[in-house]
Each structure stands twice: as structure tokens, then as C-alpha cells.
Amino acid sequence: MAVALVAGALVAGAVGGCAETTPLAQLPDSAKLPQKVLTKDEQQRTMKEMIERGQTHQTEAAKQIEKGK
């Protein structure tokens, strides 16, 4: 139990130390963003397509792995 607490404290200290020295992510300049923003329907359609592509990719990868065995 004490070992877990000490390990947790060390990890928290290490992560906290990194956060102070790592610069914050730079946000894009809003003037450079594209003028067209997707509508809710376009966003949903695009997300659905991305999910489908990811699932297809996983299926194809599994087939390639099985083929290699």
C-alpha cells in the first residue's frame, strides 16, 4: 500500500514537472481558418463516414493478420 502511494506521488511529480516546462499548444489563428463551417448534418455524415472507414480498416487489418499466420 505504501509503495503504491510513493509510486503515485513520484508519477504525479514527474508529470507536474513536465507540465511546467512544456509550452502550451498554440491555437490556430482564427483569421486563417476556412470560411465554410460544416452544418450539423454535414458533421454527422462526415463522422459516420470516418467511423465506417475505421471499421473497414480494422476488418482489413484483421484479414491481413490472419492471412499472414
PDB file of N, CA and C in Angstrom:
ATOM      1  N   MET A   1       0.831  -1.199   0.000  1.00  0.00           N
ATOM      2  CA  MET A   1       0.000   0.000   0.000  1.00  0.00           C
ATOM      3  C   MET A   1       0.873   1.260   0.000  1.00  0.00           C
ATOM      4  N   ALA A   2       1.870   1.283   0.863  1.00  0.00           N
ATOM      5  CA  ALA A   2       2.750   2.447   0.946  1.00  0.00           C
ATOM      6  C   ALA A   2       3.570   2.599  -0.324  1.00  0.00           C
ATOM      7  N   VAL A   3       3.955   1.468  -0.920  1.00  0.00           N
ATOM      8  CA  VAL A   3       4.728   1.510  -2.161  1.00  0.00           C
ATOM      9  C   VAL A   3       3.891   2.136  -3.271  1.00  0.00           C
ATOM     10  N   ALA A   4       2.602   1.784  -3.315  1.00  0.00           N
ATOM     11  CA  ALA A   4       1.717   2.344  -4.346  1.00  0.00           C
ATOM     12  C   ALA A   4       1.573   3.847  -4.173  1.00  0.00           C
ATOM     13  N   LEU A   5       1.478   4.295  -2.926  1.00  0.00           N
ATOM     14  CA  LEU A   5       1.352   5.738  -2.677  1.00  0.00           C
ATOM     15  C   LEU A   5       2.616   6.480  -3.085  1.00  0.00           C
ATOM     16  N   VAL A   6       3.767   5.919  -2.760  1.00  0.00           N
ATOM     17  CA  VAL A   6       5.039   6.543  -3.132  1.00  0.00           C
ATOM     18  C   VAL A   6       5.183   6.578  -4.649  1.00  0.00           C
ATOM     19  N   ALA A   7       4.831   5.465  -5.320  1.00  0.00           N
ATOM     20  CA  ALA A   7       4.923   5.419  -6.781  1.00  0.00           C
ATOM     21  C   ALA A   7       3.981   6.445  -7.404  1.00  0.00           C
ATOM     22  N   GLY A   8       2.769   6.550  -6.863  1.00  0.00           N
ATOM     23  CA  GLY A   8       1.807   7.535  -7.374  1.00  0.00           C
ATOM     24  C   GLY A   8       2.314   8.949  -7.202  1.00  0.00           C
ATOM     25  N   ALA A   9       2.930   9.220  -6.066  1.00  0.00           N
ATOM     26  CA  ALA A   9       3.465  10.558  -5.814  1.00  0.00           C
ATOM     27  C   ALA A   9       4.602  10.881  -6.780  1.00  0.00           C
ATOM     28  N   LEU A  10       5.459   9.892  -7.051  1.00  0.00           N
ATOM     29  CA  LEU A  10       6.562  10.111  -7.995  1.00  0.00           C
ATOM     30  C   LEU A  10       6.048  10.397  -9.399  1.00  0.00           C
ATOM     31  N   VAL A  11       5.058   9.633  -9.837  1.00  0.00           N
ATOM     32  CA  VAL A  11       4.490   9.843 -11.171  1.00  0.00           C
ATOM     33  C   VAL A  11       3.835  11.211 -11.253  1.00  0.00           C
ATOM     34  N   ALA A  12       3.065  11.571 -10.223  1.00  0.00           N
ATOM     35  CA  ALA A  12       2.396  12.880 -10.222  1.00  0.00           C
ATOM     36  C   ALA A  12       3.425  14.006 -10.254  1.00  0.00           C
ATOM     37  N   GLY A  13       4.494  13.840  -9.528  1.00  0.00           N
ATOM     38  CA  GLY A  13       5.546  14.859  -9.519  1.00  0.00           C
ATOM     39  C   GLY A  13       6.223  14.996 -10.865  1.00  0.00           C
ATOM     40  N   ALA A  14       6.480  13.865 -11.502  1.00  0.00           N
ATOM     41  CA  ALA A  14       7.131  13.887 -12.814  1.00  0.00           C
ATOM     42  C   ALA A  14       6.234  14.543 -13.847  1.00  0.00           C
ATOM     43  N   VAL A  15       4.961  14.187 -13.840  1.00  0.00           N
ATOM     44  CA  VAL A  15       4.017  14.769 -14.804  1.00  0.00           C
ATOM     45  C   VAL A  15       3.845  16.251 -14.532  1.00  0.00           C
ATOM     46  N   GLY A  16       3.727  16.610 -13.285  1.00  0.00           N
ATOM     47  CA  GLY A  16       3.580  18.022 -12.929  1.00  0.00           C
ATOM     48  C   GLY A  16       4.785  18.834 -13.338  1.00  0.00           C
ATOM     49  N   GLY A  17       5.963  18.260 -13.205  1.00  0.00           N
ATOM     50  CA  GLY A  17       7.187  18.951 -13.603  1.00  0.00           C
ATOM     51  C   GLY A  17       7.246  19.180 -15.093  1.00  0.00           C
ATOM     52  N   CYS A  18       6.786  18.206 -15.862  1.00  0.00           N
ATOM     53  CA  CYS A  18       6.782  18.339 -17.322  1.00  0.00           C
ATOM     54  C   CYS A  18       5.804  19.410 -17.774  1.00  0.00           C
ATOM     55  N   ALA A  19       4.688  19.493 -17.093  1.00  0.00           N
ATOM     56  CA  ALA A  19       3.660  20.444 -17.488  1.00  0.00           C
ATOM     57  C   ALA A  19       4.160  21.878 -17.376  1.00  0.00           C
ATOM     58  N   GLU A  20       5.028  22.132 -16.411  1.00  0.00           N
ATOM     59  CA  GLU A  20       5.528  23.495 -16.231  1.00  0.00           C
ATOM     60  C   GLU A  20       6.516  23.884 -17.315  1.00  0.00           C
ATOM     61  N   THR A  21       7.240  22.921 -17.860  1.00  0.00           N
ATOM     62  CA  THR A  21       8.269  23.243 -18.840  1.00  0.00           C
ATOM     63  C   THR A  21       7.788  23.090 -20.274  1.00  0.00           C
ATOM     64  N   THR A  22       6.655  22.414 -20.484  1.00  0.00           N
ATOM     65  CA  THR A  22       6.139  22.205 -21.824  1.00  0.00           C
ATOM     66  C   THR A  22       5.283  23.402 -22.229  1.00  0.00           C
ATOM     67  N   PRO A  23       5.568  24.016 -23.388  1.00  0.00           N
ATOM     68  CA  PRO A  23       4.753  25.161 -23.805  1.00  0.00           C
ATOM     69  C   PRO A  23       3.335  24.717 -24.149  1.00  0.00           C
ATOM     70  N   LEU A  24       2.415  25.599 -23.926  1.00  0.00           N
ATOM     71  CA  LEU A  24       1.020  25.293 -24.249  1.00  0.00           C
ATOM     72  C   LEU A  24       0.854  25.174 -25.764  1.00  0.00           C
ATOM     73  N   ALA A  25      -0.092  24.348 -26.168  1.00  0.00           N
ATOM     74  CA  ALA A  25      -0.357  24.169 -27.599  1.00  0.00           C
ATOM     75  C   ALA A  25      -0.833  25.493 -28.182  1.00  0.00           C
ATOM     76  N   GLN A  26      -0.324  25.807 -29.337  1.00  0.00           N
ATOM     77  CA  GLN A  26      -0.719  27.037 -30.000  1.00  0.00           C
ATOM     78  C   GLN A  26      -2.024  26.824 -30.743  1.00  0.00           C
ATOM     79  N   LEU A  27      -2.992  27.657 -30.492  1.00  0.00           N
ATOM     80  CA  LEU A  27      -4.263  27.576 -31.201  1.00  0.00           C
ATOM     81  C   LEU A  27      -4.107  28.235 -32.565  1.00  0.00           C
ATOM     82  N   PRO A  28      -4.837  27.741 -33.559  1.00  0.00           N
ATOM     83  CA  PRO A  28      -4.726  28.340 -34.888  1.00  0.00           C
ATOM     84  C   PRO A  28      -5.278  29.762 -34.888  1.00  0.00           C
ATOM     85  N   ASP A  29      -4.702  30.566 -35.743  1.00  0.00           N
ATOM     86  CA  ASP A  29      -5.177  31.929 -35.909  1.00  0.00           C
ATOM     87  C   ASP A  29      -6.550  31.872 -36.545  1.00  0.00           C
ATOM     88  N   SER A  30      -7.541  32.484 -35.912  1.00  0.00           N
ATOM     89  CA  SER A  30      -8.914  32.395 -36.415  1.00  0.00           C
ATOM     90  C   SER A  30      -9.061  33.041 -37.794  1.00  0.00           C
ATOM     91  N   ALA A  31      -8.170  33.949 -38.139  1.00  0.00           N
ATOM     92  CA  ALA A  31      -8.234  34.575 -39.460  1.00  0.00           C
ATOM     93  C   ALA A  31      -7.848  33.585 -40.559  1.00  0.00           C
ATOM     94  N   LYS A  32      -7.088  32.555 -40.215  1.00  0.00           N
ATOM     95  CA  LYS A  32      -6.627  31.591 -41.201  1.00  0.00           C
ATOM     96  C   LYS A  32      -7.543  30.376 -41.323  1.00  0.00           C
ATOM     97  N   LEU A  33      -8.573  30.308 -40.500  1.00  0.00           N
ATOM     98  CA  LEU A  33      -9.495  29.169 -40.567  1.00  0.00           C
ATOM     99  C   LEU A  33     -10.346  29.262 -41.826  1.00  0.00           C
ATOM    100  N   PRO A  34     -10.782  28.097 -42.350  1.00  0.00           N
ATOM    101  CA  PRO A  34     -11.637  28.140 -43.536  1.00  0.00           C
ATOM    102  C   PRO A  34     -12.943  28.874 -43.235  1.00  0.00           C
ATOM    103  N   GLN A  35     -13.457  29.536 -44.233  1.00  0.00           N
ATOM    104  CA  GLN A  35     -14.680  30.321 -44.057  1.00  0.00           C
ATOM    105  C   GLN A  35     -15.909  29.431 -43.904  1.00  0.00           C
ATOM    106  N   LYS A  36     -15.900  28.281 -44.587  1.00  0.00           N
ATOM    107  CA  LYS A  36     -17.060  27.401 -44.543  1.00  0.00           C
ATOM    108  C   LYS A  36     -16.964  26.482 -43.330  1.00  0.00           C
ATOM    109  N   VAL A  37     -18.026  26.454 -42.554  1.00  0.00           N
ATOM    110  CA  VAL A  37     -18.107  25.568 -41.403  1.00  0.00           C
ATOM    111  C   VAL A  37     -19.190  24.544 -41.706  1.00  0.00           C
ATOM    112  N   LEU A  38     -18.935  23.284 -41.348  1.00  0.00           N
ATOM    113  CA  LEU A  38     -19.899  22.233 -41.629  1.00  0.00           C
ATOM    114  C   LEU A  38     -21.162  22.410 -40.794  1.00  0.00           C
ATOM    115  N   THR A  39     -22.292  22.109 -41.407  1.00  0.00           N
ATOM    116  CA  THR A  39     -23.552  22.117 -40.675  1.00  0.00           C
ATOM    117  C   THR A  39     -23.597  20.877 -39.785  1.00  0.00           C
ATOM    118  N   LYS A  40     -24.563  20.817 -38.899  1.00  0.00           N
ATOM    119  CA  LYS A  40     -24.694  19.646 -38.028  1.00  0.00           C
ATOM    120  C   LYS A  40     -24.878  18.378 -38.846  1.00  0.00           C
ATOM    121  N   ASP A  41     -25.700  18.439 -39.901  1.00  0.00           N
ATOM    122  CA  ASP A  41     -25.917  17.261 -40.752  1.00  0.00           C
ATOM    123  C   ASP A  41     -24.628  16.841 -41.445  1.00  0.00           C
ATOM    124  N   GLU A  42     -23.868  17.817 -41.949  1.00  0.00           N
ATOM    125  CA  GLU A  42     -22.596  17.509 -42.613  1.00  0.00           C
ATOM    126  C   GLU A  42     -21.601  16.920 -41.618  1.00  0.00           C
ATOM    127  N   GLN A  43     -21.586  17.454 -40.394  1.00  0.00           N
ATOM    128  CA  GLN A  43     -20.698  16.930 -39.366  1.00  0.00           C
ATOM    129  C   GLN A  43     -21.056  15.477 -39.053  1.00  0.00           C
ATOM    130  N   GLN A  44     -22.349  15.195 -38.893  1.00  0.00           N
ATOM    131  CA  GLN A  44     -22.782  13.837 -38.577  1.00  0.00           C
ATOM    132  C   GLN A  44     -22.451  12.884 -39.715  1.00  0.00           C
ATOM    133  N   ARG A  45     -22.676  13.320 -40.946  1.00  0.00           N
ATOM    134  CA  ARG A  45     -22.393  12.495 -42.121  1.00  0.00           C
ATOM    135  C   ARG A  45     -20.888  12.203 -42.196  1.00  0.00           C
ATOM    136  N   THR A  46     -20.081  13.228 -41.975  1.00  0.00           N
ATOM    137  CA  THR A  46     -18.632  13.069 -42.029  1.00  0.00           C
ATOM    138  C   THR A  46     -18.144  12.138 -40.922  1.00  0.00           C
ATOM    139  N   MET A  47     -18.673  12.300 -39.718  1.00  0.00           N
ATOM    140  CA  MET A  47     -18.289  11.431 -38.611  1.00  0.00           C
ATOM    141  C   MET A  47     -18.671   9.985 -38.903  1.00  0.00           C
ATOM    142  N   LYS A  48     -19.854   9.777 -39.462  1.00  0.00           N
ATOM    143  CA  LYS A  48     -20.300   8.424 -39.802  1.00  0.00           C
ATOM    144  C   LYS A  48     -19.352   7.801 -40.825  1.00  0.00           C
ATOM    145  N   GLU A  49     -18.957   8.574 -41.835  1.00  0.00           N
ATOM    146  CA  GLU A  49     -18.029   8.083 -42.857  1.00  0.00           C
ATOM    147  C   GLU A  49     -16.680   7.728 -42.241  1.00  0.00           C
ATOM    148  N   MET A  50     -16.198   8.569 -41.330  1.00  0.00           N
ATOM    149  CA  MET A  50     -14.913   8.310 -40.687  1.00  0.00           C
ATOM    150  C   MET A  50     -14.969   7.044 -39.845  1.00  0.00           C
ATOM    151  N   ILE A  51     -16.058   6.847 -39.128  1.00  0.00           N
ATOM    152  CA  ILE A  51     -16.224   5.642 -38.308  1.00  0.00           C
ATOM    153  C   ILE A  51     -16.265   4.414 -39.197  1.00  0.00           C
ATOM    154  N   GLU A  52     -17.011   4.501 -40.307  1.00  0.00           N
ATOM    155  CA  GLU A  52     -17.102   3.370 -41.232  1.00  0.00           C
ATOM    156  C   GLU A  52     -15.729   3.037 -41.818  1.00  0.00           C
ATOM    157  N   ARG A  53     -14.963   4.067 -42.176  1.00  0.00           N
ATOM    158  CA  ARG A  53     -13.617   3.827 -42.717  1.00  0.00           C
ATOM    159  C   ARG A  53     -12.723   3.158 -41.680  1.00  0.00           C
ATOM    160  N   GLY A  54     -12.850   3.590 -40.435  1.00  0.00           N
ATOM    161  CA  GLY A  54     -12.056   2.992 -39.367  1.00  0.00           C
ATOM    162  C   GLY A  54     -12.414   1.529 -39.160  1.00  0.00           C
ATOM    163  N   GLN A  55     -13.714   1.223 -39.211  1.00  0.00           N
ATOM    164  CA  GLN A  55     -14.144  -0.159 -39.042  1.00  0.00           C
ATOM    165  C   GLN A  55     -13.672  -1.015 -40.213  1.00  0.00           C
ATOM    166  N   THR A  56     -13.758  -0.466 -41.418  1.00  0.00           N
ATOM    167  CA  THR A  56     -13.285  -1.188 -42.595  1.00  0.00           C
ATOM    168  C   THR A  56     -11.789  -1.444 -42.480  1.00  0.00           C
ATOM    169  N   HIS A  57     -11.070  -0.448 -42.027  1.00  0.00           N
ATOM    170  CA  HIS A  57      -9.619  -0.585 -41.868  1.00  0.00           C
ATOM    171  C   HIS A  57      -9.297  -1.692 -40.867  1.00  0.00           C
ATOM    172  N   GLN A  58     -10.009  -1.726 -39.752  1.00  0.00           N
ATOM    173  CA  GLN A  58      -9.776  -2.760 -38.742  1.00  0.00           C
ATOM    174  C   GLN A  58     -10.075  -4.141 -39.310  1.00  0.00           C
ATOM    175  N   THR A  59     -11.160  -4.258 -40.061  1.00  0.00           N
ATOM    176  CA  THR A  59     -11.535  -5.540 -40.655  1.00  0.00           C
ATOM    177  C   THR A  59     -10.467  -6.002 -41.637  1.00  0.00           C
ATOM    178  N   GLU A  60     -10.011  -5.095 -42.490  1.00  0.00           N
ATOM    179  CA  GLU A  60      -8.976  -5.440 -43.465  1.00  0.00           C
ATOM    180  C   GLU A  60      -7.665  -5.811 -42.775  1.00  0.00           C
ATOM    181  N   ALA A  61      -7.326  -5.081 -41.710  1.00  0.00           N
ATOM    182  CA  ALA A  61      -6.094  -5.389 -40.974  1.00  0.00           C
ATOM    183  C   ALA A  61      -6.184  -6.782 -40.354  1.00  0.00           C
ATOM    184  N   ALA A  62      -7.340  -7.114 -39.803  1.00  0.00           N
ATOM    185  CA  ALA A  62      -7.517  -8.442 -39.207  1.00  0.00           C
ATOM    186  C   ALA A  62      -7.381  -9.532 -40.267  1.00  0.00           C
ATOM    187  N   LYS A  63      -7.922  -9.272 -41.459  1.00  0.00           N
ATOM    188  CA  LYS A  63      -7.815 -10.247 -42.551  1.00  0.00           C
ATOM    189  C   LYS A  63      -6.354 -10.432 -42.950  1.00  0.00           C
ATOM    190  N   GLN A  64      -5.594  -9.337 -43.032  1.00  0.00           N
ATOM    191  CA  GLN A  64      -4.183  -9.422 -43.393  1.00  0.00           C
ATOM    192  C   GLN A  64      -3.387 -10.182 -42.337  1.00  0.00           C
ATOM    193  N   ILE A  65      -3.720  -9.954 -41.062  1.00  0.00           N
ATOM    194  CA  ILE A  65      -3.030 -10.661 -39.982  1.00  0.00           C
ATOM    195  C   ILE A  65      -3.332 -12.152 -40.068  1.00  0.00           C
ATOM    196  N   GLU A  66      -4.591 -12.499 -40.282  1.00  0.00           N
ATOM    197  CA  GLU A  66      -4.967 -13.918 -40.388  1.00  0.00           C
ATOM    198  C   GLU A  66      -4.307 -14.568 -41.610  1.00  0.00           C
ATOM    199  N   LYS A  67      -4.224 -13.801 -42.690  1.00  0.00           N
ATOM    200  CA  LYS A  67      -3.592 -14.323 -43.906  1.00  0.00           C
ATOM    201  C   LYS A  67      -2.109 -14.596 -43.664  1.00  0.00           C
ATOM    202  N   GLY A  68      -1.479 -13.793 -42.848  1.00  0.00           N
ATOM    203  CA  GLY A  68      -0.054 -13.950 -42.568  1.00  0.00           C
ATOM    204  C   GLY A  68       0.268 -15.100 -41.644  1.00  0.00           C
ATOM    205  N   LYS A  69      -0.716 -15.607 -40.928  1.00  0.00           N
ATOM    206  CA  LYS A  69      -0.464 -16.715 -39.974  1.00  0.00           C
ATOM    207  C   LYS A  69      -0.310 -18.022 -40.652  1.00  0.00           C
TER     208      LYS A  69
END
